[in-house]
Amino acid sequence: MESIRRPVVLLASLGAVLSLVGAYGFEHVGGYAPCELCLLQRWPHWIAIGLGAAWLIRPMRVWLWGGLLSMVTGAVLGVYHAGVQQHWWPGPSACSGPRDIGALSPEDLMAQIMAAPVVRCDEVSAAIFGIPMPVWSAAACAGLAALWAVALFRPDLPLRWPARPGAAEGRR
C-alpha cells in the first residue's frame, strides 16, 4: 500500500504557496499595504515551502517536524495579530503603540516620523466576509499544520478508502 505522506506534503506545500499568492495579491493587486505583523506572518509559509521541497528531495522526518512547527508558528502569529487588531493585548510598539515624543528633539522627532510604518498593526485594513485577514491566516496555518501532522504521524493512511462491503453488488 502506498503511503499518503507524499501527496499530503505536496498539498501542505501548495497550501503555503497559495497563502503567499493571496497575501501578495492583496498587496500588489488589491492595494492593501501590509503592516509589520502581516509581513512577519509570511515567513512561516516560506519556511514550510522550503521544508516541503527539502522533504521531496530527501525525505527525512526533521523536514516534516519543521513544516509542522512553522505552520503552528504561523497560526500563533495569526491569533496574536488578530488579538492586536481587536485590542485584546498590545502589539509591537513600532506599529501599534503610542510613542513617547516628549524627550525628542525636533530633528529626532522628524526622523522618527519619516521612519514610522505607514500601516498600523492594531487596525483592520482588510476583511473577507467581515473576518479580518489575520484570522483567515491563522485558520489556514492551522489547517496546513494538520496536514503536516498527518504526514508526520499517520503516514500509514491509505490513499484510497477501502470499498464498503456489498458496495459492488448494490443495495436494494
Protein backbone atom coordinates (compact mmCIF):
# COMPACT_ATOMS: atom_id res chain seq x y z
CA MET A 1 0.00 0.00 0.00
CA GLU A 2 1.33 3.40 -0.99
CA SER A 3 1.86 5.94 1.78
CA ILE A 4 -0.22 9.09 1.98
CA ARG A 5 2.83 11.07 3.07
CA ARG A 6 4.00 12.39 -0.33
CA PRO A 7 0.61 13.74 -1.50
CA VAL A 8 -0.01 15.33 1.89
CA VAL A 9 3.39 17.08 1.91
CA LEU A 10 2.68 18.30 -1.63
CA LEU A 11 -0.75 19.57 -0.56
CA ALA A 12 0.66 21.32 2.53
CA SER A 13 3.38 22.96 0.45
CA LEU A 14 0.86 24.00 -2.20
CA GLY A 15 -1.34 25.46 0.53
CA ALA A 16 1.57 27.58 1.73
CA VAL A 17 2.23 28.74 -1.84
CA LEU A 18 -1.43 29.68 -2.31
CA SER A 19 -1.45 31.56 1.01
CA LEU A 20 1.50 33.64 -0.15
CA VAL A 21 -0.09 34.21 -3.57
CA GLY A 22 -3.17 35.50 -1.76
CA ALA A 23 -1.13 37.76 0.52
CA TYR A 24 0.90 39.21 -2.33
CA GLY A 25 -2.25 39.52 -4.43
CA PHE A 26 -3.96 41.58 -1.74
CA GLU A 27 -0.84 43.72 -1.51
CA HIS A 28 0.02 44.28 -5.17
CA VAL A 29 -3.33 43.83 -6.93
CA GLY A 30 -5.75 44.86 -4.20
CA GLY A 31 -3.64 47.74 -2.95
CA TYR A 32 -3.64 46.68 0.72
CA ALA A 33 -0.31 47.63 2.27
CA PRO A 34 0.83 45.06 4.87
CA CYS A 35 1.80 46.01 8.40
CA GLU A 36 4.86 44.61 10.19
CA LEU A 37 2.91 41.69 11.64
CA CYS A 38 1.43 40.89 8.21
CA LEU A 39 4.94 40.67 6.80
CA LEU A 40 6.06 38.54 9.75
CA GLN A 41 3.16 36.13 9.14
CA ARG A 42 4.52 35.33 5.67
CA TRP A 43 7.76 33.80 6.95
CA PRO A 44 6.26 30.51 8.21
CA HIS A 45 4.81 29.91 4.74
CA TRP A 46 8.17 30.49 3.05
CA ILE A 47 9.81 28.14 5.55
CA ALA A 48 7.15 25.46 5.00
CA ILE A 49 7.62 25.68 1.23
CA GLY A 50 11.37 25.22 1.62
CA LEU A 51 10.93 22.32 4.03
CA GLY A 52 8.39 20.68 1.74
CA ALA A 53 10.84 20.94 -1.16
CA ALA A 54 13.63 19.58 1.04
CA TRP A 55 11.43 16.63 2.04
CA LEU A 56 10.57 15.90 -1.60
CA ILE A 57 14.28 15.88 -2.47
CA ARG A 58 15.40 13.91 0.58
CA PRO A 59 12.60 12.54 2.77
CA MET A 60 13.54 13.00 6.42
CA ARG A 61 11.28 13.36 9.46
CA VAL A 62 13.10 16.52 10.53
CA TRP A 63 11.65 18.33 7.48
CA LEU A 64 8.15 17.22 8.50
CA TRP A 65 8.71 18.43 12.05
CA GLY A 66 9.92 21.76 10.68
CA GLY A 67 6.86 22.10 8.45
CA LEU A 68 4.55 21.35 11.35
CA LEU A 69 6.31 23.80 13.66
CA SER A 70 6.40 26.54 11.04
CA MET A 71 2.65 26.30 10.45
CA VAL A 72 1.90 26.18 14.19
CA THR A 73 4.04 29.32 14.49
CA GLY A 74 2.05 30.88 11.64
CA ALA A 75 -1.22 30.08 13.41
CA VAL A 76 0.06 31.58 16.67
CA LEU A 77 1.19 34.72 14.82
CA GLY A 78 -2.23 34.99 13.19
CA VAL A 79 -4.02 34.72 16.54
CA TYR A 80 -1.61 37.25 18.06
CA HIS A 81 -2.17 39.69 15.19
CA ALA A 82 -5.95 39.24 15.39
CA GLY A 83 -5.79 39.95 19.13
CA VAL A 84 -3.76 43.10 18.49
CA GLN A 85 -6.35 44.25 15.96
CA GLN A 86 -9.18 43.59 18.41
CA HIS A 87 -7.22 45.38 21.18
CA TRP A 88 -7.22 42.28 23.38
CA TRP A 89 -3.49 42.78 24.03
CA PRO A 90 -0.86 45.30 22.98
CA GLY A 91 1.04 44.84 19.76
CA PRO A 92 4.59 45.80 18.89
CA SER A 93 5.22 49.41 19.80
CA ALA A 94 6.75 50.04 16.37
CA CYS A 95 3.38 49.67 14.64
CA SER A 96 0.63 49.87 17.24
CA GLY A 97 1.75 51.51 20.46
CA PRO A 98 1.90 55.15 21.45
CA ARG A 99 5.24 56.83 21.12
CA ASP A 100 6.80 58.95 23.85
CA ILE A 101 7.87 62.02 21.90
CA GLY A 102 8.30 64.43 24.80
CA ALA A 103 12.05 63.92 25.13
CA LEU A 104 12.85 64.05 21.41
CA SER A 105 14.46 66.96 19.65
CA PRO A 106 12.61 68.28 16.57
CA GLU A 107 15.17 66.59 14.30
CA ASP A 108 14.81 63.24 16.09
CA LEU A 109 11.03 63.57 16.02
CA MET A 110 11.07 64.24 12.28
CA ALA A 111 13.40 61.27 11.71
CA GLN A 112 11.07 59.04 13.75
CA ILE A 113 8.03 60.25 11.82
CA MET A 114 9.73 59.61 8.48
CA ALA A 115 10.81 56.12 9.60
CA ALA A 116 7.38 55.20 11.02
CA PRO A 117 5.44 52.45 9.25
CA VAL A 118 2.50 53.55 7.14
CA VAL A 119 0.17 50.74 8.20
CA ARG A 120 -0.75 50.18 11.84
CA CYS A 121 -0.89 46.65 13.20
CA ASP A 122 -3.81 47.37 15.52
CA GLU A 123 -6.25 48.43 12.80
CA VAL A 124 -8.13 46.09 10.49
CA SER A 125 -7.10 47.03 6.97
CA ALA A 126 -8.80 44.16 5.11
CA ALA A 127 -11.53 41.68 5.95
CA ILE A 128 -13.30 38.97 3.97
CA PHE A 129 -16.94 38.38 4.97
CA GLY A 130 -16.26 40.57 8.00
CA ILE A 131 -13.40 38.36 9.20
CA PRO A 132 -10.00 40.10 9.45
CA MET A 133 -7.14 38.73 7.38
CA PRO A 134 -5.06 37.56 10.40
CA VAL A 135 -7.94 35.26 11.41
CA TRP A 136 -8.01 33.77 7.91
CA SER A 137 -4.24 33.37 8.09
CA ALA A 138 -4.45 31.63 11.47
CA ALA A 139 -7.13 29.26 10.16
CA ALA A 140 -5.12 28.47 7.03
CA CYS A 141 -1.99 27.83 9.08
CA ALA A 142 -3.91 25.57 11.47
CA GLY A 143 -5.24 23.56 8.52
CA LEU A 144 -1.79 23.30 6.98
CA ALA A 145 -0.35 22.30 10.36
CA ALA A 146 -2.91 19.48 10.44
CA LEU A 147 -1.67 18.29 7.05
CA TRP A 148 1.95 18.35 8.24
CA ALA A 149 0.86 16.41 11.35
CA VAL A 150 -0.84 13.76 9.18
CA ALA A 151 2.32 13.42 7.10
CA LEU A 152 4.42 13.15 10.25
CA PHE A 153 2.28 10.93 12.49
CA ARG A 154 -0.03 8.99 10.13
CA PRO A 155 1.93 8.02 7.00
CA ASP A 156 0.14 4.64 7.05
CA LEU A 157 -3.21 6.08 5.98
CA PRO A 158 -4.27 4.66 2.62
CA LEU A 159 -4.52 6.87 -0.43
CA ARG A 160 -7.98 5.43 -1.15
CA TRP A 161 -10.62 4.42 1.32
CA PRO A 162 -11.38 0.71 1.22
CA ALA A 163 -14.61 -0.19 -0.55
CA ARG A 164 -17.61 -0.87 1.65
CA PRO A 165 -18.69 -4.48 1.86
CA GLY A 166 -21.55 -5.04 -0.55
CA ALA A 167 -20.92 -1.81 -2.46
CA ALA A 168 -20.11 -3.66 -5.68
CA GLU A 169 -23.34 -5.68 -5.63
CA GLY A 170 -25.53 -2.68 -4.97
CA ARG A 171 -28.05 -2.48 -2.19
CA ARG A 172 -31.78 -2.65 -2.54
